[in-house]
Amino acid sequence: MEENRKPRPTISQEKLDEFVRYVISNLVVNKDKVEVVVMEDVPGTYTVHIRVDASDRGRVIGRNGKTINALRTILRIFGRIVVILEE
């Protein structure tokens, strides 16, 4: 039985950085403290490091982690992307 799968959409490192920065900046109060670093581990696999002001961490995490997990789910469309919220 042959599956009719569509190819997974791709995203560049720059666009990934831009998208994550846009989403996080719209969640936090201290927008100037938002730091996003995107590293490509192997082609198509990224690690996204996010740093925000300590007072904004709860906004990014969300109740029971729902906000950060929603971001991870959206990014999973584009491949293997690990999102790390750093202290």
PDB file of N, CA and C in Angstrom:
ATOM      1  N   MET A   1       0.837  -1.171   0.000  1.00  0.00           N
ATOM      2  CA  MET A   1       0.000   0.000   0.000  1.00  0.00           C
ATOM      3  C   MET A   1       0.890   1.244   0.000  1.00  0.00           C
ATOM      4  N   GLU A   2       0.729   2.085  -0.977  1.00  0.00           N
ATOM      5  CA  GLU A   2       1.553   3.274  -1.113  1.00  0.00           C
ATOM      6  C   GLU A   2       0.876   4.466  -0.449  1.00  0.00           C
ATOM      7  N   GLU A   3       1.643   5.177   0.376  1.00  0.00           N
ATOM      8  CA  GLU A   3       1.105   6.363   1.044  1.00  0.00           C
ATOM      9  C   GLU A   3       1.326   7.586   0.171  1.00  0.00           C
ATOM     10  N   ASN A   4       0.344   8.440   0.112  1.00  0.00           N
ATOM     11  CA  ASN A   4       0.452   9.683  -0.645  1.00  0.00           C
ATOM     12  C   ASN A   4       0.786  10.825   0.305  1.00  0.00           C
ATOM     13  N   ARG A   5       1.999  10.828   0.796  1.00  0.00           N
ATOM     14  CA  ARG A   5       2.424  11.868   1.729  1.00  0.00           C
ATOM     15  C   ARG A   5       2.985  13.055   0.973  1.00  0.00           C
ATOM     16  N   LYS A   6       2.599  14.212   1.425  1.00  0.00           N
ATOM     17  CA  LYS A   6       3.164  15.428   0.866  1.00  0.00           C
ATOM     18  C   LYS A   6       4.488  15.698   1.564  1.00  0.00           C
ATOM     19  N   PRO A   7       5.433  16.277   0.844  1.00  0.00           N
ATOM     20  CA  PRO A   7       6.709  16.584   1.505  1.00  0.00           C
ATOM     21  C   PRO A   7       6.505  17.615   2.606  1.00  0.00           C
ATOM     22  N   ARG A   8       7.285  17.484   3.646  1.00  0.00           N
ATOM     23  CA  ARG A   8       7.214  18.393   4.788  1.00  0.00           C
ATOM     24  C   ARG A   8       7.730  19.764   4.361  1.00  0.00           C
ATOM     25  N   PRO A   9       7.035  20.838   4.761  1.00  0.00           N
ATOM     26  CA  PRO A   9       7.535  22.171   4.419  1.00  0.00           C
ATOM     27  C   PRO A   9       8.869  22.425   5.116  1.00  0.00           C
ATOM     28  N   THR A  10       9.681  23.266   4.529  1.00  0.00           N
ATOM     29  CA  THR A  10      10.971  23.584   5.133  1.00  0.00           C
ATOM     30  C   THR A  10      10.986  25.053   5.557  1.00  0.00           C
ATOM     31  N   ILE A  11      11.943  25.387   6.395  1.00  0.00           N
ATOM     32  CA  ILE A  11      12.102  26.752   6.869  1.00  0.00           C
ATOM     33  C   ILE A  11      13.587  27.029   6.987  1.00  0.00           C
ATOM     34  N   SER A  12      13.995  28.227   6.632  1.00  0.00           N
ATOM     35  CA  SER A  12      15.408  28.592   6.759  1.00  0.00           C
ATOM     36  C   SER A  12      15.693  28.990   8.202  1.00  0.00           C
ATOM     37  N   GLN A  13      16.962  28.984   8.536  1.00  0.00           N
ATOM     38  CA  GLN A  13      17.377  29.358   9.879  1.00  0.00           C
ATOM     39  C   GLN A  13      16.976  30.801  10.183  1.00  0.00           C
ATOM     40  N   GLU A  14      17.095  31.672   9.196  1.00  0.00           N
ATOM     41  CA  GLU A  14      16.742  33.079   9.389  1.00  0.00           C
ATOM     42  C   GLU A  14      15.241  33.254   9.615  1.00  0.00           C
ATOM     43  N   LYS A  15      14.435  32.567   8.837  1.00  0.00           N
ATOM     44  CA  LYS A  15      12.974  32.663   8.981  1.00  0.00           C
ATOM     45  C   LYS A  15      12.512  32.058  10.306  1.00  0.00           C
ATOM     46  N   LEU A  16      13.159  30.977  10.721  1.00  0.00           N
ATOM     47  CA  LEU A  16      12.836  30.350  12.000  1.00  0.00           C
ATOM     48  C   LEU A  16      13.123  31.329  13.131  1.00  0.00           C
ATOM     49  N   ASP A  17      14.279  31.974  13.084  1.00  0.00           N
ATOM     50  CA  ASP A  17      14.642  32.973  14.085  1.00  0.00           C
ATOM     51  C   ASP A  17      13.626  34.111  14.104  1.00  0.00           C
ATOM     52  N   GLU A  18      13.269  34.593  12.932  1.00  0.00           N
ATOM     53  CA  GLU A  18      12.316  35.696  12.805  1.00  0.00           C
ATOM     54  C   GLU A  18      10.946  35.315  13.372  1.00  0.00           C
ATOM     55  N   PHE A  19      10.484  34.108  13.071  1.00  0.00           N
ATOM     56  CA  PHE A  19       9.172  33.659  13.539  1.00  0.00           C
ATOM     57  C   PHE A  19       9.148  33.507  15.064  1.00  0.00           C
ATOM     58  N   VAL A  20      10.154  32.835  15.616  1.00  0.00           N
ATOM     59  CA  VAL A  20      10.197  32.615  17.068  1.00  0.00           C
ATOM     60  C   VAL A  20      10.314  33.956  17.794  1.00  0.00           C
ATOM     61  N   ARG A  21      11.158  34.839  17.287  1.00  0.00           N
ATOM     62  CA  ARG A  21      11.320  36.159  17.895  1.00  0.00           C
ATOM     63  C   ARG A  21       9.990  36.932  17.870  1.00  0.00           C
ATOM     64  N   TYR A  22       9.251  36.843  16.777  1.00  0.00           N
ATOM     65  CA  TYR A  22       7.954  37.516  16.645  1.00  0.00           C
ATOM     66  C   TYR A  22       6.959  36.971  17.680  1.00  0.00           C
ATOM     67  N   VAL A  23       6.856  35.655  17.780  1.00  0.00           N
ATOM     68  CA  VAL A  23       5.898  35.041  18.709  1.00  0.00           C
ATOM     69  C   VAL A  23       6.250  35.399  20.146  1.00  0.00           C
ATOM     70  N   ILE A  24       7.506  35.210  20.525  1.00  0.00           N
ATOM     71  CA  ILE A  24       7.922  35.467  21.909  1.00  0.00           C
ATOM     72  C   ILE A  24       7.771  36.942  22.257  1.00  0.00           C
ATOM     73  N   SER A  25       8.154  37.825  21.348  1.00  0.00           N
ATOM     74  CA  SER A  25       8.051  39.271  21.607  1.00  0.00           C
ATOM     75  C   SER A  25       6.612  39.703  21.851  1.00  0.00           C
ATOM     76  N   ASN A  26       5.664  39.017  21.243  1.00  0.00           N
ATOM     77  CA  ASN A  26       4.263  39.362  21.448  1.00  0.00           C
ATOM     78  C   ASN A  26       3.670  38.744  22.709  1.00  0.00           C
ATOM     79  N   LEU A  27       4.425  37.909  23.382  1.00  0.00           N
ATOM     80  CA  LEU A  27       3.969  37.312  24.634  1.00  0.00           C
ATOM     81  C   LEU A  27       4.474  38.073  25.856  1.00  0.00           C
ATOM     82  N   VAL A  28       5.627  38.702  25.738  1.00  0.00           N
ATOM     83  CA  VAL A  28       6.305  39.267  26.903  1.00  0.00           C
ATOM     84  C   VAL A  28       6.079  40.765  27.032  1.00  0.00           C
ATOM     85  N   VAL A  29       6.377  41.280  28.223  1.00  0.00           N
ATOM     86  CA  VAL A  29       6.300  42.711  28.494  1.00  0.00           C
ATOM     87  C   VAL A  29       7.634  43.371  28.130  1.00  0.00           C
ATOM     88  N   ASN A  30       8.730  42.743  28.512  1.00  0.00           N
ATOM     89  CA  ASN A  30      10.074  43.283  28.280  1.00  0.00           C
ATOM     90  C   ASN A  30      10.621  42.780  26.952  1.00  0.00           C
ATOM     91  N   LYS A  31      10.145  43.361  25.872  1.00  0.00           N
ATOM     92  CA  LYS A  31      10.517  42.915  24.525  1.00  0.00           C
ATOM     93  C   LYS A  31      12.003  43.084  24.233  1.00  0.00           C
ATOM     94  N   ASP A  32      12.626  44.074  24.851  1.00  0.00           N
ATOM     95  CA  ASP A  32      14.046  44.326  24.617  1.00  0.00           C
ATOM     96  C   ASP A  32      14.948  43.269  25.254  1.00  0.00           C
ATOM     97  N   LYS A  33      14.406  42.433  26.120  1.00  0.00           N
ATOM     98  CA  LYS A  33      15.187  41.391  26.778  1.00  0.00           C
ATOM     99  C   LYS A  33      15.082  40.036  26.079  1.00  0.00           C
ATOM    100  N   VAL A  34      14.349  39.972  24.980  1.00  0.00           N
ATOM    101  CA  VAL A  34      14.164  38.714  24.258  1.00  0.00           C
ATOM    102  C   VAL A  34      15.430  38.392  23.464  1.00  0.00           C
ATOM    103  N   GLU A  35      15.962  37.200  23.686  1.00  0.00           N
ATOM    104  CA  GLU A  35      17.114  36.711  22.934  1.00  0.00           C
ATOM    105  C   GLU A  35      16.743  35.370  22.329  1.00  0.00           C
ATOM    106  N   VAL A  36      16.959  35.228  21.043  1.00  0.00           N
ATOM    107  CA  VAL A  36      16.686  33.974  20.347  1.00  0.00           C
ATOM    108  C   VAL A  36      17.938  33.588  19.575  1.00  0.00           C
ATOM    109  N   VAL A  37      18.405  32.375  19.786  1.00  0.00           N
ATOM    110  CA  VAL A  37      19.552  31.856  19.055  1.00  0.00           C
ATOM    111  C   VAL A  37      19.115  30.547  18.406  1.00  0.00           C
ATOM    112  N   VAL A  38      19.247  30.485  17.082  1.00  0.00           N
ATOM    113  CA  VAL A  38      18.879  29.286  16.341  1.00  0.00           C
ATOM    114  C   VAL A  38      20.156  28.656  15.811  1.00  0.00           C
ATOM    115  N   MET A  39      20.360  27.384  16.139  1.00  0.00           N
ATOM    116  CA  MET A  39      21.538  26.658  15.664  1.00  0.00           C
ATOM    117  C   MET A  39      21.082  25.466  14.829  1.00  0.00           C
ATOM    118  N   GLU A  40      21.699  25.297  13.671  1.00  0.00           N
ATOM    119  CA  GLU A  40      21.380  24.142  12.829  1.00  0.00           C
ATOM    120  C   GLU A  40      22.344  23.028  13.191  1.00  0.00           C
ATOM    121  N   ASP A  41      21.810  21.950  13.754  1.00  0.00           N
ATOM    122  CA  ASP A  41      22.634  20.819  14.179  1.00  0.00           C
ATOM    123  C   ASP A  41      23.095  20.017  12.965  1.00  0.00           C
ATOM    124  N   VAL A  42      22.164  19.559  12.192  1.00  0.00           N
ATOM    125  CA  VAL A  42      22.404  18.910  10.898  1.00  0.00           C
ATOM    126  C   VAL A  42      21.367  19.519   9.958  1.00  0.00           C
ATOM    127  N   PRO A  43      21.545  19.417   8.654  1.00  0.00           N
ATOM    128  CA  PRO A  43      20.572  20.033   7.750  1.00  0.00           C
ATOM    129  C   PRO A  43      19.127  19.635   8.085  1.00  0.00           C
ATOM    130  N   GLY A  44      18.297  20.643   8.339  1.00  0.00           N
ATOM    131  CA  GLY A  44      16.892  20.405   8.650  1.00  0.00           C
ATOM    132  C   GLY A  44      16.586  20.163  10.111  1.00  0.00           C
ATOM    133  N   THR A  45      17.600  20.142  10.962  1.00  0.00           N
ATOM    134  CA  THR A  45      17.406  19.940  12.393  1.00  0.00           C
ATOM    135  C   THR A  45      17.965  21.145  13.143  1.00  0.00           C
ATOM    136  N   TYR A  46      17.110  21.803  13.904  1.00  0.00           N
ATOM    137  CA  TYR A  46      17.498  23.032  14.588  1.00  0.00           C
ATOM    138  C   TYR A  46      17.287  22.926  16.088  1.00  0.00           C
ATOM    139  N   THR A  47      18.087  23.689  16.817  1.00  0.00           N
ATOM    140  CA  THR A  47      17.875  23.899  18.243  1.00  0.00           C
ATOM    141  C   THR A  47      17.664  25.390  18.433  1.00  0.00           C
ATOM    142  N   VAL A  48      16.570  25.743  19.092  1.00  0.00           N
ATOM    143  CA  VAL A  48      16.223  27.145  19.323  1.00  0.00           C
ATOM    144  C   VAL A  48      16.369  27.422  20.815  1.00  0.00           C
ATOM    145  N   HIS A  49      17.259  28.352  21.147  1.00  0.00           N
ATOM    146  CA  HIS A  49      17.461  28.766  22.534  1.00  0.00           C
ATOM    147  C   HIS A  49      16.771  30.112  22.720  1.00  0.00           C
ATOM    148  N   ILE A  50      15.899  30.181  23.718  1.00  0.00           N
ATOM    149  CA  ILE A  50      15.135  31.405  23.987  1.00  0.00           C
ATOM    150  C   ILE A  50      15.484  31.885  25.387  1.00  0.00           C
ATOM    151  N   ARG A  51      15.779  33.171  25.487  1.00  0.00           N
ATOM    152  CA  ARG A  51      16.030  33.789  26.779  1.00  0.00           C
ATOM    153  C   ARG A  51      15.128  35.009  26.904  1.00  0.00           C
ATOM    154  N   VAL A  52      14.426  35.122  28.023  1.00  0.00           N
ATOM    155  CA  VAL A  52      13.579  36.279  28.298  1.00  0.00           C
ATOM    156  C   VAL A  52      13.851  36.756  29.713  1.00  0.00           C
ATOM    157  N   ASP A  53      13.357  37.935  30.039  1.00  0.00           N
ATOM    158  CA  ASP A  53      13.472  38.457  31.392  1.00  0.00           C
ATOM    159  C   ASP A  53      12.785  37.490  32.360  1.00  0.00           C
ATOM    160  N   ALA A  54      13.327  37.378  33.561  1.00  0.00           N
ATOM    161  CA  ALA A  54      12.777  36.451  34.557  1.00  0.00           C
ATOM    162  C   ALA A  54      11.297  36.704  34.828  1.00  0.00           C
ATOM    163  N   SER A  55      10.880  37.959  34.772  1.00  0.00           N
ATOM    164  CA  SER A  55       9.480  38.281  35.043  1.00  0.00           C
ATOM    165  C   SER A  55       8.553  37.837  33.908  1.00  0.00           C
ATOM    166  N   ASP A  56       9.105  37.514  32.752  1.00  0.00           N
ATOM    167  CA  ASP A  56       8.299  37.098  31.601  1.00  0.00           C
ATOM    168  C   ASP A  56       8.296  35.586  31.366  1.00  0.00           C
ATOM    169  N   ARG A  57       9.085  34.854  32.126  1.00  0.00           N
ATOM    170  CA  ARG A  57       9.185  33.401  31.906  1.00  0.00           C
ATOM    171  C   ARG A  57       7.828  32.709  32.000  1.00  0.00           C
ATOM    172  N   GLY A  58       7.023  33.105  32.954  1.00  0.00           N
ATOM    173  CA  GLY A  58       5.701  32.498  33.125  1.00  0.00           C
ATOM    174  C   GLY A  58       4.795  32.733  31.927  1.00  0.00           C
ATOM    175  N   ARG A  59       4.914  33.889  31.318  1.00  0.00           N
ATOM    176  CA  ARG A  59       4.113  34.197  30.130  1.00  0.00           C
ATOM    177  C   ARG A  59       4.499  33.287  28.970  1.00  0.00           C
ATOM    178  N   VAL A  60       5.784  33.018  28.829  1.00  0.00           N
ATOM    179  CA  VAL A  60       6.259  32.168  27.733  1.00  0.00           C
ATOM    180  C   VAL A  60       5.908  30.704  27.992  1.00  0.00           C
ATOM    181  N   ILE A  61       6.028  30.281  29.230  1.00  0.00           N
ATOM    182  CA  ILE A  61       5.723  28.887  29.570  1.00  0.00           C
ATOM    183  C   ILE A  61       4.213  28.648  29.502  1.00  0.00           C
ATOM    184  N   GLY A  62       3.435  29.560  30.076  1.00  0.00           N
ATOM    185  CA  GLY A  62       1.986  29.401  30.087  1.00  0.00           C
ATOM    186  C   GLY A  62       1.533  28.455  31.171  1.00  0.00           C
ATOM    187  N   ARG A  63       0.240  28.425  31.396  1.00  0.00           N
ATOM    188  CA  ARG A  63      -0.323  27.559  32.430  1.00  0.00           C
ATOM    189  C   ARG A  63      -0.089  26.103  32.057  1.00  0.00           C
ATOM    190  N   ASN A  64       0.556  25.377  32.939  1.00  0.00           N
ATOM    191  CA  ASN A  64       0.895  23.965  32.729  1.00  0.00           C
ATOM    192  C   ASN A  64       1.730  23.747  31.468  1.00  0.00           C
ATOM    193  N   GLY A  65       2.482  24.760  31.042  1.00  0.00           N
ATOM    194  CA  GLY A  65       3.361  24.622  29.888  1.00  0.00           C
ATOM    195  C   GLY A  65       2.668  24.663  28.542  1.00  0.00           C
ATOM    196  N   LYS A  66       1.417  25.087  28.530  1.00  0.00           N
ATOM    197  CA  LYS A  66       0.640  25.040  27.286  1.00  0.00           C
ATOM    198  C   LYS A  66       1.179  25.983  26.207  1.00  0.00           C
ATOM    199  N   THR A  67       1.660  27.155  26.579  1.00  0.00           N
ATOM    200  CA  THR A  67       2.118  28.118  25.576  1.00  0.00           C
ATOM    201  C   THR A  67       3.397  27.640  24.895  1.00  0.00           C
ATOM    202  N   ILE A  68       4.394  27.251  25.670  1.00  0.00           N
ATOM    203  CA  ILE A  68       5.660  26.792  25.085  1.00  0.00           C
ATOM    204  C   ILE A  68       5.449  25.494  24.307  1.00  0.00           C
ATOM    205  N   ASN A  69       4.567  24.636  24.784  1.00  0.00           N
ATOM    206  CA  ASN A  69       4.295  23.392  24.067  1.00  0.00           C
ATOM    207  C   ASN A  69       3.548  23.649  22.758  1.00  0.00           C
ATOM    208  N   ALA A  70       2.695  24.671  22.737  1.00  0.00           N
ATOM    209  CA  ALA A  70       2.008  25.035  21.491  1.00  0.00           C
ATOM    210  C   ALA A  70       3.021  25.525  20.464  1.00  0.00           C
ATOM    211  N   LEU A  71       3.992  26.313  20.901  1.00  0.00           N
ATOM    212  CA  LEU A  71       5.045  26.776  19.998  1.00  0.00           C
ATOM    213  C   LEU A  71       5.839  25.587  19.459  1.00  0.00           C
ATOM    214  N   ARG A  72       6.166  24.657  20.324  1.00  0.00           N
ATOM    215  CA  ARG A  72       6.899  23.456  19.886  1.00  0.00           C
ATOM    216  C   ARG A  72       6.093  22.663  18.866  1.00  0.00           C
ATOM    217  N   THR A  73       4.800  22.548  19.079  1.00  0.00           N
ATOM    218  CA  THR A  73       3.936  21.816  18.155  1.00  0.00           C
ATOM    219  C   THR A  73       3.899  22.491  16.786  1.00  0.00           C
ATOM    220  N   ILE A  74       3.763  23.807  16.769  1.00  0.00           N
ATOM    221  CA  ILE A  74       3.750  24.540  15.505  1.00  0.00           C
ATOM    222  C   ILE A  74       5.065  24.348  14.764  1.00  0.00           C
ATOM    223  N   LEU A  75       6.174  24.446  15.475  1.00  0.00           N
ATOM    224  CA  LEU A  75       7.481  24.331  14.832  1.00  0.00           C
ATOM    225  C   LEU A  75       7.772  22.921  14.331  1.00  0.00           C
ATOM    226  N   ARG A  76       7.127  21.935  14.924  1.00  0.00           N
ATOM    227  CA  ARG A  76       7.335  20.541  14.506  1.00  0.00           C
ATOM    228  C   ARG A  76       6.891  20.309  13.057  1.00  0.00           C
ATOM    229  N   ILE A  77       6.049  21.192  12.537  1.00  0.00           N
ATOM    230  CA  ILE A  77       5.622  21.095  11.140  1.00  0.00           C
ATOM    231  C   ILE A  77       6.831  21.142  10.217  1.00  0.00           C
ATOM    232  N   PHE A  78       7.849  21.919  10.616  1.00  0.00           N
ATOM    233  CA  PHE A  78       9.002  22.153   9.760  1.00  0.00           C
ATOM    234  C   PHE A  78      10.138  21.157   9.958  1.00  0.00           C
ATOM    235  N   GLY A  79       9.982  20.195  10.820  1.00  0.00           N
ATOM    236  CA  GLY A  79      11.029  19.195  11.010  1.00  0.00           C
ATOM    237  C   GLY A  79      11.420  19.073  12.467  1.00  0.00           C
ATOM    238  N   ARG A  80      12.614  18.580  12.666  1.00  0.00           N
ATOM    239  CA  ARG A  80      13.121  18.389  14.022  1.00  0.00           C
ATOM    240  C   ARG A  80      13.638  19.703  14.566  1.00  0.00           C
ATOM    241  N   ILE A  81      12.841  20.309  15.432  1.00  0.00           N
ATOM    242  CA  ILE A  81      13.208  21.577  16.034  1.00  0.00           C
ATOM    243  C   ILE A  81      13.026  21.448  17.535  1.00  0.00           C
ATOM    244  N   VAL A  82      14.119  21.632  18.271  1.00  0.00           N
ATOM    245  CA  VAL A  82      14.095  21.560  19.728  1.00  0.00           C
ATOM    246  C   VAL A  82      14.075  22.984  20.262  1.00  0.00           C
ATOM    247  N   VAL A  83      13.113  23.282  21.130  1.00  0.00           N
ATOM    248  CA  VAL A  83      12.994  24.621  21.720  1.00  0.00           C
ATOM    249  C   VAL A  83      13.383  24.535  23.183  1.00  0.00           C
ATOM    250  N   ILE A  84      14.354  25.362  23.564  1.00  0.00           N
ATOM    251  CA  ILE A  84      14.848  25.368  24.941  1.00  0.00           C
ATOM    252  C   ILE A  84      14.653  26.774  25.506  1.00  0.00           C
ATOM    253  N   LEU A  85      13.916  26.870  26.603  1.00  0.00           N
ATOM    254  CA  LEU A  85      13.752  28.145  27.308  1.00  0.00           C
ATOM    255  C   LEU A  85      14.797  28.185  28.404  1.00  0.00           C
ATOM    256  N   GLU A  86      15.766  29.065  28.247  1.00  0.00           N
ATOM    257  CA  GLU A  86      16.888  29.139  29.193  1.00  0.00           C
ATOM    258  C   GLU A  86      16.613  30.121  30.300  1.00  0.00           C
ATOM    259  N   GLU A  87      17.308  29.926  31.409  1.00  0.00           N
ATOM    260  CA  GLU A  87      17.186  30.850  32.548  1.00  0.00           C
ATOM    261  C   GLU A  87      18.137  31.990  32.389  1.00  0.00           C
TER     262      GLU A  87
END
